[in-house]
Amino acid sequence: MKPTLKFAFPPSVDADTRLLILGSLPGDVSIARQEYYAHRGNAFWALIGEVLGEALVGQPYALRLERLRARGVGLWDVMASATRPGSLDSAISDADVRDLSGFVAALPALQAVAFNGKTAALHGRRQLGARGDLMLIDLPSSSGAHATLSRAQKAQAWRVLRGWIV
C-alpha cells in the first residue's frame, strides 16, 4: 500500500464539553464517509453508547454526534494529518500533531480528556500531561485491530468515563 497524506476532521465540541475523547487519526473508511469511527469493526459507537446508556449504533451520524454533545462529550483527534498507508496507527509517519493545550484551554467546562488507544495517549499526554486541572484517561483502543482485549474487557475499561457524563 502506498503511503498517503491523510487529514483529520474538525472537532465535535461545544462550550458544555466536559469530556473530550481523542483518537489518533481517522481510518480510511472514516475518511471516505467523513464520519468518526465509521468502520464496522470499530466498537467506538457501541462502547460510548454503553457508557451513555443509549443505543447509538445504527443511528444517523448527525444524531450520534448530537447525543454526545448533549451529554457533554466531545470528539477530536491528536493529529491534524499524517502520512499512512491503510488505517493502522503503527504505519503513521510525518504526523502533524495538533495544539491540544490551546484547544482544551478554550473549552470552559472541560474536566477530563480520554485517549482512545496508545497512539492518541502517547501524543496527547506529551502536551497535556503537565496540566493538573484535567483528568487524563487512557482507554483501550476501540479499533477492531486492537484484539488483545475482548469487547467486554474494553467495555469494562470504558465505563470509567461515566464519571464525566451529564
C-alpha atoms as a PDB file:
ATOM      1  CA  MET A   1       0.000   0.000   0.000  1.00  0.00           C
ATOM      2  CA  LYS A   2       1.291   3.439  -0.906  1.00  0.00           C
ATOM      3  CA  PRO A   3       1.579   5.936   1.977  1.00  0.00           C
ATOM      4  CA  THR A   4      -0.903   8.776   1.539  1.00  0.00           C
ATOM      5  CA  LEU A   5      -1.259  12.058   3.367  1.00  0.00           C
ATOM      6  CA  LYS A   6      -4.479  11.849   5.369  1.00  0.00           C
ATOM      7  CA  PHE A   7      -6.353  14.577   7.198  1.00  0.00           C
ATOM      8  CA  ALA A   8      -8.458  14.515  10.346  1.00  0.00           C
ATOM      9  CA  PHE A   9     -11.862  16.100  10.908  1.00  0.00           C
ATOM     10  CA  PRO A  10     -12.915  19.272  12.696  1.00  0.00           C
ATOM     11  CA  PRO A  11     -13.694  18.845  16.383  1.00  0.00           C
ATOM     12  CA  SER A  12     -17.159  17.913  17.578  1.00  0.00           C
ATOM     13  CA  VAL A  13     -17.322  20.008  20.762  1.00  0.00           C
ATOM     14  CA  ASP A  14     -19.166  22.930  22.287  1.00  0.00           C
ATOM     15  CA  ALA A  15     -18.859  25.168  25.345  1.00  0.00           C
ATOM     16  CA  ASP A  16     -20.507  22.471  27.513  1.00  0.00           C
ATOM     17  CA  THR A  17     -18.000  19.717  26.668  1.00  0.00           C
ATOM     18  CA  ARG A  18     -16.927  18.108  29.954  1.00  0.00           C
ATOM     19  CA  LEU A  19     -15.225  15.038  28.485  1.00  0.00           C
ATOM     20  CA  LEU A  20     -13.109  15.107  25.330  1.00  0.00           C
ATOM     21  CA  ILE A  21     -12.298  11.791  23.653  1.00  0.00           C
ATOM     22  CA  LEU A  22      -9.232  11.982  21.456  1.00  0.00           C
ATOM     23  CA  GLY A  23      -8.381   9.432  18.795  1.00  0.00           C
ATOM     24  CA  SER A  24      -5.212   9.405  16.711  1.00  0.00           C
ATOM     25  CA  LEU A  25      -6.273   9.922  13.084  1.00  0.00           C
ATOM     26  CA  PRO A  26      -9.385   8.666  11.252  1.00  0.00           C
ATOM     27  CA  GLY A  27      -9.028   5.438   9.303  1.00  0.00           C
ATOM     28  CA  ASP A  28      -9.685   5.086   5.603  1.00  0.00           C
ATOM     29  CA  VAL A  29     -13.375   4.148   5.929  1.00  0.00           C
ATOM     30  CA  SER A  30     -13.984   7.072   8.274  1.00  0.00           C
ATOM     31  CA  ILE A  31     -12.194   9.456   5.906  1.00  0.00           C
ATOM     32  CA  ALA A  32     -14.219   8.181   2.944  1.00  0.00           C
ATOM     33  CA  ARG A  33     -17.505   8.650   4.840  1.00  0.00           C
ATOM     34  CA  GLN A  34     -16.375  11.786   6.704  1.00  0.00           C
ATOM     35  CA  GLU A  35     -17.572  10.227   9.963  1.00  0.00           C
ATOM     36  CA  TYR A  36     -15.695   9.479  13.151  1.00  0.00           C
ATOM     37  CA  TYR A  37     -15.360   5.718  13.771  1.00  0.00           C
ATOM     38  CA  ALA A  38     -17.205   4.630  10.611  1.00  0.00           C
ATOM     39  CA  HIS A  39     -15.541   1.221  10.146  1.00  0.00           C
ATOM     40  CA  ARG A  40     -17.967  -1.517  11.177  1.00  0.00           C
ATOM     41  CA  GLY A  41     -15.153  -3.311  13.011  1.00  0.00           C
ATOM     42  CA  ASN A  42     -14.591  -0.331  15.288  1.00  0.00           C
ATOM     43  CA  ALA A  43     -16.559  -0.652  18.530  1.00  0.00           C
ATOM     44  CA  PHE A  44     -16.483   3.056  19.430  1.00  0.00           C
ATOM     45  CA  TRP A  45     -20.212   3.736  18.995  1.00  0.00           C
ATOM     46  CA  ALA A  46     -21.183   0.585  20.913  1.00  0.00           C
ATOM     47  CA  LEU A  47     -18.713   1.357  23.719  1.00  0.00           C
ATOM     48  CA  ILE A  48     -19.665   5.000  24.157  1.00  0.00           C
ATOM     49  CA  GLY A  49     -23.335   4.088  23.773  1.00  0.00           C
ATOM     50  CA  GLU A  50     -22.998   1.702  26.694  1.00  0.00           C
ATOM     51  CA  VAL A  51     -21.272   4.402  28.748  1.00  0.00           C
ATOM     52  CA  LEU A  52     -24.127   6.808  27.977  1.00  0.00           C
ATOM     53  CA  GLY A  53     -26.855   4.189  28.380  1.00  0.00           C
ATOM     54  CA  GLU A  54     -28.051   4.947  24.853  1.00  0.00           C
ATOM     55  CA  ALA A  55     -28.273   2.816  21.712  1.00  0.00           C
ATOM     56  CA  LEU A  56     -26.148   4.796  19.245  1.00  0.00           C
ATOM     57  CA  VAL A  57     -25.203   2.039  16.805  1.00  0.00           C
ATOM     58  CA  GLY A  58     -27.347   2.301  13.697  1.00  0.00           C
ATOM     59  CA  GLN A  59     -28.474   5.852  14.422  1.00  0.00           C
ATOM     60  CA  PRO A  60     -27.784   8.562  11.826  1.00  0.00           C
ATOM     61  CA  TYR A  61     -24.303  10.028  12.258  1.00  0.00           C
ATOM     62  CA  ALA A  62     -25.539  13.576  12.945  1.00  0.00           C
ATOM     63  CA  LEU A  63     -27.803  12.246  15.701  1.00  0.00           C
ATOM     64  CA  ARG A  64     -24.929  10.300  17.303  1.00  0.00           C
ATOM     65  CA  LEU A  65     -22.810  13.462  17.444  1.00  0.00           C
ATOM     66  CA  GLU A  66     -25.760  15.429  18.787  1.00  0.00           C
ATOM     67  CA  ARG A  67     -26.311  12.862  21.553  1.00  0.00           C
ATOM     68  CA  LEU A  68     -22.647  13.017  22.561  1.00  0.00           C
ATOM     69  CA  ARG A  69     -22.683  16.815  22.737  1.00  0.00           C
ATOM     70  CA  ALA A  70     -25.961  16.761  24.694  1.00  0.00           C
ATOM     71  CA  ARG A  71     -24.235  14.579  27.296  1.00  0.00           C
ATOM     72  CA  GLY A  72     -21.105  16.743  27.471  1.00  0.00           C
ATOM     73  CA  VAL A  73     -18.883  14.526  25.300  1.00  0.00           C
ATOM     74  CA  GLY A  74     -16.674  15.867  22.510  1.00  0.00           C
ATOM     75  CA  LEU A  75     -14.581  14.140  19.841  1.00  0.00           C
ATOM     76  CA  TRP A  76     -11.375  15.070  18.103  1.00  0.00           C
ATOM     77  CA  ASP A  77      -8.002  13.629  17.088  1.00  0.00           C
ATOM     78  CA  VAL A  78      -4.488  14.345  18.306  1.00  0.00           C
ATOM     79  CA  MET A  79      -3.193  14.584  14.733  1.00  0.00           C
ATOM     80  CA  ALA A  80      -4.303  17.062  12.100  1.00  0.00           C
ATOM     81  CA  SER A  81      -2.685  14.991   9.364  1.00  0.00           C
ATOM     82  CA  ALA A  82      -0.154  12.244   8.788  1.00  0.00           C
ATOM     83  CA  THR A  83       1.224  10.009   6.086  1.00  0.00           C
ATOM     84  CA  ARG A  84      -0.108   6.490   6.391  1.00  0.00           C
ATOM     85  CA  PRO A  85      -0.766   3.527   4.123  1.00  0.00           C
ATOM     86  CA  GLY A  86      -4.040   1.951   5.208  1.00  0.00           C
ATOM     87  CA  SER A  87      -5.552   2.638   8.607  1.00  0.00           C
ATOM     88  CA  LEU A  88      -3.177   1.234  11.235  1.00  0.00           C
ATOM     89  CA  ASP A  89      -1.677   3.666  13.733  1.00  0.00           C
ATOM     90  CA  SER A  90       1.570   1.704  13.624  1.00  0.00           C
ATOM     91  CA  ALA A  91       2.017   2.825   9.990  1.00  0.00           C
ATOM     92  CA  ILE A  92       1.727   6.568  10.739  1.00  0.00           C
ATOM     93  CA  SER A  93       4.653   8.796   9.801  1.00  0.00           C
ATOM     94  CA  ASP A  94       5.202  12.531   9.430  1.00  0.00           C
ATOM     95  CA  ALA A  95       2.413  13.359  11.853  1.00  0.00           C
ATOM     96  CA  ASP A  96       1.280  16.950  12.240  1.00  0.00           C
ATOM     97  CA  VAL A  97       0.193  16.939  15.887  1.00  0.00           C
ATOM     98  CA  ARG A  98      -2.421  19.478  16.948  1.00  0.00           C
ATOM     99  CA  ASP A  99      -2.025  22.161  19.615  1.00  0.00           C
ATOM    100  CA  LEU A 100      -4.059  20.353  22.248  1.00  0.00           C
ATOM    101  CA  SER A 101      -3.093  22.668  25.098  1.00  0.00           C
ATOM    102  CA  GLY A 102      -4.504  25.692  23.311  1.00  0.00           C
ATOM    103  CA  PHE A 103      -7.583  23.766  22.244  1.00  0.00           C
ATOM    104  CA  VAL A 104      -8.539  22.470  25.694  1.00  0.00           C
ATOM    105  CA  ALA A 105      -7.938  25.914  27.205  1.00  0.00           C
ATOM    106  CA  ALA A 106     -10.834  27.153  25.044  1.00  0.00           C
ATOM    107  CA  LEU A 107     -13.277  24.581  26.498  1.00  0.00           C
ATOM    108  CA  PRO A 108     -14.509  26.172  29.748  1.00  0.00           C
ATOM    109  CA  ALA A 109     -16.391  23.140  31.121  1.00  0.00           C
ATOM    110  CA  LEU A 110     -13.739  20.535  30.256  1.00  0.00           C
ATOM    111  CA  GLN A 111     -12.840  18.237  33.157  1.00  0.00           C
ATOM    112  CA  ALA A 112     -11.368  15.136  31.522  1.00  0.00           C
ATOM    113  CA  VAL A 113      -9.602  14.003  28.361  1.00  0.00           C
ATOM    114  CA  ALA A 114      -9.762  10.350  27.340  1.00  0.00           C
ATOM    115  CA  PHE A 115      -7.343   8.869  24.835  1.00  0.00           C
ATOM    116  CA  ASN A 116      -8.784   6.204  22.537  1.00  0.00           C
ATOM    117  CA  GLY A 117      -5.740   3.954  22.180  1.00  0.00           C
ATOM    118  CA  LYS A 118      -1.999   4.087  22.782  1.00  0.00           C
ATOM    119  CA  THR A 119      -1.083   6.369  19.889  1.00  0.00           C
ATOM    120  CA  ALA A 120      -3.554   9.024  20.980  1.00  0.00           C
ATOM    121  CA  ALA A 121      -2.322   8.730  24.572  1.00  0.00           C
ATOM    122  CA  LEU A 122       1.331   8.993  23.548  1.00  0.00           C
ATOM    123  CA  HIS A 123       0.858  12.213  21.585  1.00  0.00           C
ATOM    124  CA  GLY A 124      -1.839  13.680  23.835  1.00  0.00           C
ATOM    125  CA  ARG A 125      -0.025  13.130  27.119  1.00  0.00           C
ATOM    126  CA  ARG A 126       3.083  14.837  25.735  1.00  0.00           C
ATOM    127  CA  GLN A 127       1.080  18.046  25.589  1.00  0.00           C
ATOM    128  CA  LEU A 128      -1.437  17.676  28.381  1.00  0.00           C
ATOM    129  CA  GLY A 129       0.456  15.613  30.950  1.00  0.00           C
ATOM    130  CA  ALA A 130       1.575  18.618  32.983  1.00  0.00           C
ATOM    131  CA  ARG A 131      -1.941  20.000  33.393  1.00  0.00           C
ATOM    132  CA  GLY A 132      -3.236  19.365  36.874  1.00  0.00           C
ATOM    133  CA  ASP A 133      -6.702  20.702  36.094  1.00  0.00           C
ATOM    134  CA  LEU A 134      -7.700  17.811  33.803  1.00  0.00           C
ATOM    135  CA  MET A 135      -8.150  14.118  34.444  1.00  0.00           C
ATOM    136  CA  LEU A 136      -6.306  12.206  31.711  1.00  0.00           C
ATOM    137  CA  ILE A 137      -7.653   8.733  30.950  1.00  0.00           C
ATOM    138  CA  ASP A 138      -6.027   6.066  28.782  1.00  0.00           C
ATOM    139  CA  LEU A 139      -8.579   3.775  27.143  1.00  0.00           C
ATOM    140  CA  PRO A 140      -8.018   0.599  25.194  1.00  0.00           C
ATOM    141  CA  SER A 141      -8.492   1.308  21.513  1.00  0.00           C
ATOM    142  CA  SER A 142     -11.990   0.795  20.174  1.00  0.00           C
ATOM    143  CA  SER A 143     -10.445  -0.395  16.910  1.00  0.00           C
ATOM    144  CA  GLY A 144     -11.058  -3.939  15.788  1.00  0.00           C
ATOM    145  CA  ALA A 145      -7.335  -4.117  15.033  1.00  0.00           C
ATOM    146  CA  HIS A 146      -6.702  -3.928  18.790  1.00  0.00           C
ATOM    147  CA  ALA A 147      -7.658  -7.512  19.584  1.00  0.00           C
ATOM    148  CA  THR A 148      -5.668  -8.135  22.766  1.00  0.00           C
ATOM    149  CA  LEU A 149      -8.797  -7.356  24.786  1.00  0.00           C
ATOM    150  CA  SER A 150     -12.296  -8.688  24.255  1.00  0.00           C
ATOM    151  CA  ARG A 151     -15.139  -6.280  23.625  1.00  0.00           C
ATOM    152  CA  ALA A 152     -16.398  -6.974  27.159  1.00  0.00           C
ATOM    153  CA  GLN A 153     -12.980  -6.082  28.597  1.00  0.00           C
ATOM    154  CA  LYS A 154     -12.908  -2.881  26.567  1.00  0.00           C
ATOM    155  CA  ALA A 155     -16.423  -2.011  27.752  1.00  0.00           C
ATOM    156  CA  GLN A 156     -15.357  -2.510  31.364  1.00  0.00           C
ATOM    157  CA  ALA A 157     -12.416  -0.139  30.891  1.00  0.00           C
ATOM    158  CA  TRP A 158     -14.557   2.467  29.105  1.00  0.00           C
ATOM    159  CA  ARG A 159     -17.083   2.574  31.984  1.00  0.00           C
ATOM    160  CA  VAL A 160     -14.696   4.875  33.868  1.00  0.00           C
ATOM    161  CA  LEU A 161     -15.997   7.654  31.588  1.00  0.00           C
ATOM    162  CA  ARG A 162     -19.369   7.631  33.358  1.00  0.00           C
ATOM    163  CA  GLY A 163     -17.960   9.979  35.988  1.00  0.00           C
ATOM    164  CA  TRP A 164     -17.900  12.811  33.433  1.00  0.00           C
ATOM    165  CA  ILE A 165     -21.192  12.199  31.652  1.00  0.00           C
ATOM    166  CA  VAL A 166     -24.099  14.570  32.235  1.00  0.00           C
END
